[in-house]
Amino acid sequence: MSFLTPKAPPPPPPPPPPPPVDEARAAALGEEAIMRQRKMRKGRGSTIVAGALEGGAPTSGQPPTLMG
């Protein structure tokens, strides 16, 4: 470094560590969110569809298409 170049400023201090996680409160909030979501489900349009329960991979040897 030359004496004509300015000195680089020191790096900023590291951020403070995150606060500890309250496991009991997190579990309670999670349960509450699940219950709230279940209460909002009504009718046929909100049915959870898991997909086909059998098979899974096509057996014909051809790549799958949009129509199955």
PDB file of N, CA and C in Angstrom:
ATOM      1  N   MET A   1       0.836  -1.180   0.000  1.00  0.00           N
ATOM      2  CA  MET A   1       0.000   0.000   0.000  1.00  0.00           C
ATOM      3  C   MET A   1       0.881   1.243   0.000  1.00  0.00           C
ATOM      4  N   SER A   2       0.380   2.205  -0.634  1.00  0.00           N
ATOM      5  CA  SER A   2       1.105   3.452  -0.723  1.00  0.00           C
ATOM      6  C   SER A   2       0.612   4.390   0.366  1.00  0.00           C
ATOM      7  N   PHE A   3       1.426   5.356   0.677  1.00  0.00           N
ATOM      8  CA  PHE A   3       1.017   6.318   1.698  1.00  0.00           C
ATOM      9  C   PHE A   3      -0.032   7.274   1.144  1.00  0.00           C
ATOM     10  N   LEU A   4      -0.276   7.280  -0.180  1.00  0.00           N
ATOM     11  CA  LEU A   4      -1.272   8.163  -0.772  1.00  0.00           C
ATOM     12  C   LEU A   4      -2.684   7.553  -0.770  1.00  0.00           C
ATOM     13  N   THR A   5      -2.776   6.252  -0.608  1.00  0.00           N
ATOM     14  CA  THR A   5      -4.106   5.630  -0.606  1.00  0.00           C
ATOM     15  C   THR A   5      -4.717   5.744   0.796  1.00  0.00           C
ATOM     16  N   PRO A   6      -6.006   6.016   0.848  1.00  0.00           N
ATOM     17  CA  PRO A   6      -6.638   6.133   2.172  1.00  0.00           C
ATOM     18  C   PRO A   6      -6.751   4.758   2.825  1.00  0.00           C
ATOM     19  N   LYS A   7      -6.788   4.763   4.126  1.00  0.00           N
ATOM     20  CA  LYS A   7      -6.933   3.512   4.872  1.00  0.00           C
ATOM     21  C   LYS A   7      -8.378   3.034   4.761  1.00  0.00           C
ATOM     22  N   ALA A   8      -8.533   1.742   4.670  1.00  0.00           N
ATOM     23  CA  ALA A   8      -9.873   1.157   4.588  1.00  0.00           C
ATOM     24  C   ALA A   8     -10.527   1.226   5.964  1.00  0.00           C
ATOM     25  N   PRO A   9     -11.823   1.541   5.994  1.00  0.00           N
ATOM     26  CA  PRO A   9     -12.504   1.576   7.296  1.00  0.00           C
ATOM     27  C   PRO A   9     -12.591   0.158   7.865  1.00  0.00           C
ATOM     28  N   PRO A  10     -12.662   0.039   9.168  1.00  0.00           N
ATOM     29  CA  PRO A  10     -12.770  -1.307   9.762  1.00  0.00           C
ATOM     30  C   PRO A  10     -14.120  -1.924   9.400  1.00  0.00           C
ATOM     31  N   PRO A  11     -14.191  -3.239   9.353  1.00  0.00           N
ATOM     32  CA  PRO A  11     -15.471  -3.881   9.019  1.00  0.00           C
ATOM     33  C   PRO A  11     -16.501  -3.623  10.118  1.00  0.00           C
ATOM     34  N   PRO A  12     -17.768  -3.648   9.746  1.00  0.00           N
ATOM     35  CA  PRO A  12     -18.805  -3.410  10.752  1.00  0.00           C
ATOM     36  C   PRO A  12     -18.812  -4.536  11.779  1.00  0.00           C
ATOM     37  N   PRO A  13     -19.283  -4.261  12.975  1.00  0.00           N
ATOM     38  CA  PRO A  13     -19.327  -5.317  14.002  1.00  0.00           C
ATOM     39  C   PRO A  13     -20.348  -6.387  13.605  1.00  0.00           C
ATOM     40  N   PRO A  14     -20.162  -7.610  14.058  1.00  0.00           N
ATOM     41  CA  PRO A  14     -21.115  -8.669  13.713  1.00  0.00           C
ATOM     42  C   PRO A  14     -22.470  -8.399  14.365  1.00  0.00           C
ATOM     43  N   PRO A  15     -23.549  -8.880  13.737  1.00  0.00           N
ATOM     44  CA  PRO A  15     -24.872  -8.667  14.313  1.00  0.00           C
ATOM     45  C   PRO A  15     -25.010  -9.437  15.623  1.00  0.00           C
ATOM     46  N   PRO A  16     -25.882  -8.972  16.494  1.00  0.00           N
ATOM     47  CA  PRO A  16     -26.063  -9.686  17.763  1.00  0.00           C
ATOM     48  C   PRO A  16     -26.668 -11.060  17.507  1.00  0.00           C
ATOM     49  N   PRO A  17     -26.410 -12.025  18.370  1.00  0.00           N
ATOM     50  CA  PRO A  17     -26.983 -13.361  18.168  1.00  0.00           C
ATOM     51  C   PRO A  17     -28.506 -13.323  18.316  1.00  0.00           C
ATOM     52  N   PRO A  18     -29.207 -14.215  17.606  1.00  0.00           N
ATOM     53  CA  PRO A  18     -30.667 -14.222  17.717  1.00  0.00           C
ATOM     54  C   PRO A  18     -31.099 -14.650  19.111  1.00  0.00           C
ATOM     55  N   PRO A  19     -32.278 -14.197  19.540  1.00  0.00           N
ATOM     56  CA  PRO A  19     -32.753 -14.593  20.866  1.00  0.00           C
ATOM     57  C   PRO A  19     -33.044 -16.091  20.896  1.00  0.00           C
ATOM     58  N   PRO A  20     -33.001 -16.701  22.063  1.00  0.00           N
ATOM     59  CA  PRO A  20     -33.285 -18.139  22.135  1.00  0.00           C
ATOM     60  C   PRO A  20     -34.739 -18.426  21.758  1.00  0.00           C
ATOM     61  N   VAL A  21     -34.962 -19.584  21.172  1.00  0.00           N
ATOM     62  CA  VAL A  21     -36.293 -19.978  20.716  1.00  0.00           C
ATOM     63  C   VAL A  21     -37.055 -20.604  21.876  1.00  0.00           C
ATOM     64  N   ASP A  22     -38.285 -20.138  22.068  1.00  0.00           N
ATOM     65  CA  ASP A  22     -39.156 -20.704  23.091  1.00  0.00           C
ATOM     66  C   ASP A  22     -39.939 -21.843  22.453  1.00  0.00           C
ATOM     67  N   GLU A  23     -39.516 -23.077  22.716  1.00  0.00           N
ATOM     68  CA  GLU A  23     -40.103 -24.249  22.069  1.00  0.00           C
ATOM     69  C   GLU A  23     -41.577 -24.423  22.424  1.00  0.00           C
ATOM     70  N   ALA A  24     -41.951 -24.170  23.651  1.00  0.00           N
ATOM     71  CA  ALA A  24     -43.344 -24.355  24.068  1.00  0.00           C
ATOM     72  C   ALA A  24     -44.254 -23.363  23.344  1.00  0.00           C
ATOM     73  N   ARG A  25     -43.826 -22.123  23.243  1.00  0.00           N
ATOM     74  CA  ARG A  25     -44.634 -21.103  22.572  1.00  0.00           C
ATOM     75  C   ARG A  25     -44.744 -21.399  21.080  1.00  0.00           C
ATOM     76  N   ALA A  26     -43.636 -21.860  20.470  1.00  0.00           N
ATOM     77  CA  ALA A  26     -43.655 -22.195  19.046  1.00  0.00           C
ATOM     78  C   ALA A  26     -44.602 -23.354  18.775  1.00  0.00           C
ATOM     79  N   ALA A  27     -44.604 -24.353  19.652  1.00  0.00           N
ATOM     80  CA  ALA A  27     -45.507 -25.494  19.475  1.00  0.00           C
ATOM     81  C   ALA A  27     -46.959 -25.058  19.625  1.00  0.00           C
ATOM     82  N   ALA A  28     -47.228 -24.183  20.587  1.00  0.00           N
ATOM     83  CA  ALA A  28     -48.598 -23.707  20.790  1.00  0.00           C
ATOM     84  C   ALA A  28     -49.076 -22.894  19.597  1.00  0.00           C
ATOM     85  N   LEU A  29     -48.223 -22.044  19.049  1.00  0.00           N
ATOM     86  CA  LEU A  29     -48.605 -21.251  17.884  1.00  0.00           C
ATOM     87  C   LEU A  29     -48.823 -22.141  16.666  1.00  0.00           C
ATOM     88  N   GLY A  30     -48.029 -23.174  16.527  1.00  0.00           N
ATOM     89  CA  GLY A  30     -48.196 -24.105  15.416  1.00  0.00           C
ATOM     90  C   GLY A  30     -49.507 -24.852  15.502  1.00  0.00           C
ATOM     91  N   GLU A  31     -49.845 -25.331  16.686  1.00  0.00           N
ATOM     92  CA  GLU A  31     -51.116 -26.028  16.873  1.00  0.00           C
ATOM     93  C   GLU A  31     -52.296 -25.095  16.593  1.00  0.00           C
ATOM     94  N   GLU A  32     -52.181 -23.859  17.039  1.00  0.00           N
ATOM     95  CA  GLU A  32     -53.252 -22.896  16.821  1.00  0.00           C
ATOM     96  C   GLU A  32     -53.435 -22.623  15.330  1.00  0.00           C
ATOM     97  N   ALA A  33     -52.344 -22.517  14.598  1.00  0.00           N
ATOM     98  CA  ALA A  33     -52.428 -22.273  13.158  1.00  0.00           C
ATOM     99  C   ALA A  33     -53.063 -23.459  12.442  1.00  0.00           C
ATOM    100  N   ILE A  34     -52.727 -24.661  12.856  1.00  0.00           N
ATOM    101  CA  ILE A  34     -53.309 -25.854  12.231  1.00  0.00           C
ATOM    102  C   ILE A  34     -54.808 -25.899  12.503  1.00  0.00           C
ATOM    103  N   MET A  35     -55.216 -25.615  13.732  1.00  0.00           N
ATOM    104  CA  MET A  35     -56.638 -25.625  14.070  1.00  0.00           C
ATOM    105  C   MET A  35     -57.397 -24.554  13.285  1.00  0.00           C
ATOM    106  N   ARG A  36     -56.810 -23.382  13.142  1.00  0.00           N
ATOM    107  CA  ARG A  36     -57.450 -22.304  12.401  1.00  0.00           C
ATOM    108  C   ARG A  36     -57.609 -22.690  10.932  1.00  0.00           C
ATOM    109  N   GLN A  37     -56.589 -23.345  10.370  1.00  0.00           N
ATOM    110  CA  GLN A  37     -56.670 -23.768   8.980  1.00  0.00           C
ATOM    111  C   GLN A  37     -57.741 -24.843   8.795  1.00  0.00           C
ATOM    112  N   ARG A  38     -57.864 -25.761   9.724  1.00  0.00           N
ATOM    113  CA  ARG A  38     -58.876 -26.821   9.623  1.00  0.00           C
ATOM    114  C   ARG A  38     -60.285 -26.260   9.732  1.00  0.00           C
ATOM    115  N   LYS A  39     -60.468 -25.214  10.538  1.00  0.00           N
ATOM    116  CA  LYS A  39     -61.791 -24.615  10.689  1.00  0.00           C
ATOM    117  C   LYS A  39     -62.239 -23.930   9.408  1.00  0.00           C
ATOM    118  N   MET A  40     -61.293 -23.432   8.605  1.00  0.00           N
ATOM    119  CA  MET A  40     -61.644 -22.701   7.398  1.00  0.00           C
ATOM    120  C   MET A  40     -61.990 -23.640   6.244  1.00  0.00           C
ATOM    121  N   ARG A  41     -61.701 -24.917   6.352  1.00  0.00           N
ATOM    122  CA  ARG A  41     -62.003 -25.867   5.286  1.00  0.00           C
ATOM    123  C   ARG A  41     -63.482 -26.212   5.322  1.00  0.00           C
ATOM    124  N   LYS A  42     -64.157 -25.940   4.228  1.00  0.00           N
ATOM    125  CA  LYS A  42     -65.571 -26.266   4.136  1.00  0.00           C
ATOM    126  C   LYS A  42     -65.884 -26.640   2.702  1.00  0.00           C
ATOM    127  N   GLY A  43     -66.619 -27.703   2.531  1.00  0.00           N
ATOM    128  CA  GLY A  43     -67.097 -28.068   1.214  1.00  0.00           C
ATOM    129  C   GLY A  43     -66.138 -28.925   0.420  1.00  0.00           C
ATOM    130  N   ARG A  44     -66.565 -29.243  -0.776  1.00  0.00           N
ATOM    131  CA  ARG A  44     -65.819 -30.147  -1.627  1.00  0.00           C
ATOM    132  C   ARG A  44     -64.543 -29.506  -2.175  1.00  0.00           C
ATOM    133  N   GLY A  45     -64.540 -28.211  -2.365  1.00  0.00           N
ATOM    134  CA  GLY A  45     -63.385 -27.540  -2.959  1.00  0.00           C
ATOM    135  C   GLY A  45     -62.170 -27.499  -2.060  1.00  0.00           C
ATOM    136  N   SER A  46     -62.333 -27.742  -0.786  1.00  0.00           N
ATOM    137  CA  SER A  46     -61.198 -27.671   0.126  1.00  0.00           C
ATOM    138  C   SER A  46     -60.686 -29.034   0.536  1.00  0.00           C
ATOM    139  N   THR A  47     -61.136 -30.086  -0.151  1.00  0.00           N
ATOM    140  CA  THR A  47     -60.689 -31.434   0.166  1.00  0.00           C
ATOM    141  C   THR A  47     -59.213 -31.569  -0.176  1.00  0.00           C
ATOM    142  N   ILE A  48     -58.456 -32.177   0.711  1.00  0.00           N
ATOM    143  CA  ILE A  48     -57.041 -32.388   0.465  1.00  0.00           C
ATOM    144  C   ILE A  48     -56.893 -33.624  -0.413  1.00  0.00           C
ATOM    145  N   VAL A  49     -56.264 -33.442  -1.552  1.00  0.00           N
ATOM    146  CA  VAL A  49     -56.063 -34.551  -2.479  1.00  0.00           C
ATOM    147  C   VAL A  49     -54.609 -34.976  -2.383  1.00  0.00           C
ATOM    148  N   ALA A  50     -54.395 -36.228  -2.015  1.00  0.00           N
ATOM    149  CA  ALA A  50     -53.041 -36.722  -1.831  1.00  0.00           C
ATOM    150  C   ALA A  50     -52.467 -37.296  -3.108  1.00  0.00           C
ATOM    151  N   GLY A  51     -53.267 -37.549  -4.114  1.00  0.00           N
ATOM    152  CA  GLY A  51     -52.780 -38.140  -5.350  1.00  0.00           C
ATOM    153  C   GLY A  51     -53.059 -39.624  -5.379  1.00  0.00           C
ATOM    154  N   ALA A  52     -52.506 -40.291  -6.381  1.00  0.00           N
ATOM    155  CA  ALA A  52     -52.723 -41.723  -6.531  1.00  0.00           C
ATOM    156  C   ALA A  52     -52.030 -42.467  -5.404  1.00  0.00           C
ATOM    157  N   LEU A  53     -52.737 -43.411  -4.815  1.00  0.00           N
ATOM    158  CA  LEU A  53     -52.168 -44.167  -3.712  1.00  0.00           C
ATOM    159  C   LEU A  53     -51.420 -45.408  -4.181  1.00  0.00           C
ATOM    160  N   GLU A  54     -51.686 -45.859  -5.399  1.00  0.00           N
ATOM    161  CA  GLU A  54     -51.041 -47.055  -5.916  1.00  0.00           C
ATOM    162  C   GLU A  54     -50.040 -46.685  -6.997  1.00  0.00           C
ATOM    163  N   GLY A  55     -49.102 -47.605  -7.256  1.00  0.00           N
ATOM    164  CA  GLY A  55     -48.172 -47.431  -8.367  1.00  0.00           C
ATOM    165  C   GLY A  55     -47.258 -46.238  -8.143  1.00  0.00           C
ATOM    166  N   GLY A  56     -47.309 -45.328  -9.045  1.00  0.00           N
ATOM    167  CA  GLY A  56     -46.486 -44.134  -8.929  1.00  0.00           C
ATOM    168  C   GLY A  56     -45.684 -43.912 -10.187  1.00  0.00           C
ATOM    169  N   ALA A  57     -44.874 -44.874 -10.584  1.00  0.00           N
ATOM    170  CA  ALA A  57     -44.042 -44.728 -11.765  1.00  0.00           C
ATOM    171  C   ALA A  57     -44.730 -45.397 -12.953  1.00  0.00           C
ATOM    172  N   PRO A  58     -44.670 -44.773 -14.128  1.00  0.00           N
ATOM    173  CA  PRO A  58     -45.268 -45.419 -15.299  1.00  0.00           C
ATOM    174  C   PRO A  58     -44.480 -46.665 -15.662  1.00  0.00           C
ATOM    175  N   THR A  59     -45.184 -47.714 -16.108  1.00  0.00           N
ATOM    176  CA  THR A  59     -44.537 -48.989 -16.409  1.00  0.00           C
ATOM    177  C   THR A  59     -44.355 -49.222 -17.889  1.00  0.00           C
ATOM    178  N   SER A  60     -44.835 -48.316 -18.747  1.00  0.00           N
ATOM    179  CA  SER A  60     -44.772 -48.536 -20.192  1.00  0.00           C
ATOM    180  C   SER A  60     -43.406 -48.238 -20.777  1.00  0.00           C
ATOM    181  N   GLY A  61     -42.519 -47.612 -20.062  1.00  0.00           N
ATOM    182  CA  GLY A  61     -41.197 -47.289 -20.575  1.00  0.00           C
ATOM    183  C   GLY A  61     -41.136 -45.979 -21.315  1.00  0.00           C
ATOM    184  N   GLN A  62     -42.298 -45.342 -21.529  1.00  0.00           N
ATOM    185  CA  GLN A  62     -42.321 -44.061 -22.200  1.00  0.00           C
ATOM    186  C   GLN A  62     -42.358 -42.952 -21.154  1.00  0.00           C
ATOM    187  N   PRO A  63     -41.850 -41.757 -21.500  1.00  0.00           N
ATOM    188  CA  PRO A  63     -41.916 -40.657 -20.529  1.00  0.00           C
ATOM    189  C   PRO A  63     -43.366 -40.263 -20.284  1.00  0.00           C
ATOM    190  N   PRO A  64     -43.699 -39.828 -19.084  1.00  0.00           N
ATOM    191  CA  PRO A  64     -45.078 -39.461 -18.780  1.00  0.00           C
ATOM    192  C   PRO A  64     -45.493 -38.224 -19.578  1.00  0.00           C
ATOM    193  N   THR A  65     -46.767 -38.161 -19.921  1.00  0.00           N
ATOM    194  CA  THR A  65     -47.311 -37.014 -20.641  1.00  0.00           C
ATOM    195  C   THR A  65     -48.231 -36.261 -19.701  1.00  0.00           C
ATOM    196  N   LEU A  66     -48.771 -35.162 -20.199  1.00  0.00           N
ATOM    197  CA  LEU A  66     -49.679 -34.370 -19.372  1.00  0.00           C
ATOM    198  C   LEU A  66     -50.993 -35.106 -19.107  1.00  0.00           C
ATOM    199  N   MET A  67     -51.380 -35.986 -20.002  1.00  0.00           N
ATOM    200  CA  MET A  67     -52.632 -36.714 -19.848  1.00  0.00           C
ATOM    201  C   MET A  67     -52.456 -38.012 -19.068  1.00  0.00           C
ATOM    202  N   GLY A  68     -51.261 -38.303 -18.617  1.00  0.00           N
ATOM    203  CA  GLY A  68     -51.074 -39.484 -17.786  1.00  0.00           C
ATOM    204  C   GLY A  68     -50.308 -40.494 -18.517  1.00  0.00           C
TER     205      GLY A  68
END
